[in-house]
Amino acid sequence: MRKWAILAAAIVLEVTATLALRAAIDNAWWAGLTAAGYAGAFVALSALVRGGTPIGVVYGIWAAAGVALTAVLGTVLFAEPFTPLIGIGIAAVIAGVVLVETGHAPEREGDS
């Protein structure tokens, strides 16, 4: 359960940093939040990897969630477009993460 909380924190920090990067176009002080958010996200990700979570799983979930949340929140906060093609792209990213997760499933005893 702790690993999921750390991963959720890494996702929130990355999405916050990315949205702050967009906000920095209009007000430069948001750049500080961008740097802090990305730094915090990478600290959280490195803690997960040090704890034994496979990097492909950690990065896949983090990246996919970040892409999806950033696209949706960019639409809500900055009136950026959200087209059907963007939705299909997000679905494809999520499907890719599911495939990576499936590929990392531990083998059961007796499986070759």
Protein backbone atom coordinates (compact mmCIF):
# COMPACT_ATOMS: atom_id res chain seq x y z
CA MET A 1 0.00 0.00 0.00
CA ARG A 2 2.90 2.35 0.77
CA LYS A 3 4.30 1.89 -2.74
CA TRP A 4 0.99 2.98 -4.27
CA ALA A 5 0.97 6.10 -2.08
CA ILE A 6 4.50 6.99 -3.19
CA LEU A 7 3.58 6.39 -6.83
CA ALA A 8 0.45 8.55 -6.45
CA ALA A 9 2.58 11.31 -4.93
CA ALA A 10 5.03 11.09 -7.84
CA ILE A 11 2.14 11.38 -10.31
CA VAL A 12 0.61 14.37 -8.52
CA LEU A 13 4.00 16.11 -8.32
CA GLU A 14 4.71 15.54 -12.02
CA VAL A 15 1.28 16.69 -13.17
CA THR A 16 1.51 19.75 -10.92
CA ALA A 17 4.95 20.56 -12.32
CA THR A 18 3.77 20.18 -15.91
CA LEU A 19 0.72 22.37 -15.36
CA ALA A 20 2.93 24.94 -13.61
CA LEU A 21 5.21 24.87 -16.65
CA ARG A 22 2.22 25.83 -18.79
CA ALA A 23 1.23 28.54 -16.29
CA ALA A 24 4.79 29.92 -16.38
CA ILE A 25 4.09 31.21 -19.89
CA ASP A 26 2.01 33.96 -18.29
CA ASN A 27 3.81 34.33 -14.96
CA ALA A 28 7.46 33.31 -14.51
CA TRP A 29 7.19 32.51 -10.79
CA TRP A 30 5.43 29.23 -11.70
CA ALA A 31 8.81 27.97 -12.96
CA GLY A 32 9.90 27.45 -9.36
CA LEU A 33 6.95 25.14 -8.75
CA THR A 34 7.84 23.34 -11.97
CA ALA A 35 11.38 22.62 -10.79
CA ALA A 36 10.25 21.58 -7.30
CA GLY A 37 7.52 19.32 -8.65
CA TYR A 38 9.78 17.48 -11.09
CA ALA A 39 12.49 17.10 -8.44
CA GLY A 40 9.99 15.68 -5.96
CA ALA A 41 8.56 13.32 -8.55
CA PHE A 42 11.99 11.91 -9.39
CA VAL A 43 12.85 11.48 -5.70
CA ALA A 44 9.62 9.51 -5.26
CA LEU A 45 10.29 7.41 -8.37
CA SER A 46 13.82 6.61 -7.24
CA ALA A 47 12.48 5.51 -3.84
CA LEU A 48 10.16 3.06 -5.58
CA VAL A 49 12.93 1.64 -7.74
CA ARG A 50 15.27 1.35 -4.72
CA GLY A 51 12.45 -0.51 -2.98
CA GLY A 52 12.44 -3.16 -5.67
CA THR A 53 9.57 -2.08 -7.92
CA PRO A 54 10.53 -2.75 -11.57
CA ILE A 55 11.42 0.44 -13.43
CA GLY A 56 9.21 -0.48 -16.40
CA VAL A 57 6.18 -0.75 -14.15
CA VAL A 58 6.95 2.41 -12.18
CA TYR A 59 7.71 4.53 -15.20
CA GLY A 60 4.85 3.13 -17.26
CA ILE A 61 2.18 3.88 -14.70
CA TRP A 62 3.71 7.25 -13.82
CA ALA A 63 4.00 8.36 -17.44
CA ALA A 64 0.58 7.11 -18.53
CA ALA A 65 -1.21 8.67 -15.57
CA GLY A 66 0.72 11.89 -16.10
CA VAL A 67 -0.19 12.08 -19.78
CA ALA A 68 -3.86 11.39 -19.14
CA LEU A 69 -4.22 13.76 -16.19
CA THR A 70 -2.23 16.54 -17.85
CA ALA A 71 -4.34 16.35 -21.01
CA VAL A 72 -7.61 16.46 -19.06
CA LEU A 73 -6.49 19.18 -16.65
CA GLY A 74 -4.95 21.20 -19.49
CA THR A 75 -8.39 21.26 -21.06
CA VAL A 76 -10.08 22.26 -17.81
CA LEU A 77 -7.54 24.84 -16.62
CA PHE A 78 -6.17 26.28 -19.85
CA ALA A 79 -8.95 25.59 -22.38
CA GLU A 80 -6.59 23.45 -24.45
CA PRO A 81 -8.26 21.19 -27.00
CA PHE A 82 -9.28 17.63 -26.16
CA THR A 83 -10.13 15.91 -29.41
CA PRO A 84 -11.26 12.35 -30.03
CA LEU A 85 -7.78 11.63 -31.39
CA ILE A 86 -6.24 12.77 -28.09
CA GLY A 87 -8.63 10.46 -26.27
CA ILE A 88 -7.60 7.55 -28.49
CA GLY A 89 -3.95 8.37 -27.83
CA ILE A 90 -4.50 8.32 -24.08
CA ALA A 91 -6.32 4.99 -24.38
CA ALA A 92 -3.38 3.61 -26.37
CA VAL A 93 -0.92 4.74 -23.70
CA ILE A 94 -3.02 3.10 -20.99
CA ALA A 95 -3.26 -0.10 -23.04
CA GLY A 96 0.51 -0.09 -23.40
CA VAL A 97 0.96 0.19 -19.65
CA VAL A 98 -1.44 -2.72 -19.12
CA LEU A 99 0.69 -4.79 -21.50
CA VAL A 100 3.87 -3.85 -19.64
CA GLU A 101 2.21 -4.73 -16.33
CA THR A 102 1.10 -8.08 -17.74
CA GLY A 103 4.62 -8.76 -18.94
CA HIS A 104 5.97 -8.18 -15.43
CA ALA A 105 3.53 -10.56 -13.75
CA PRO A 106 5.44 -12.94 -11.48
CA GLU A 107 5.61 -16.54 -12.61
CA ARG A 108 3.71 -19.07 -10.57
CA GLU A 109 5.45 -22.15 -9.28
CA GLY A 110 5.49 -24.86 -11.92
CA ASP A 111 5.32 -22.42 -14.85
CA SER A 112 8.16 -22.54 -17.33
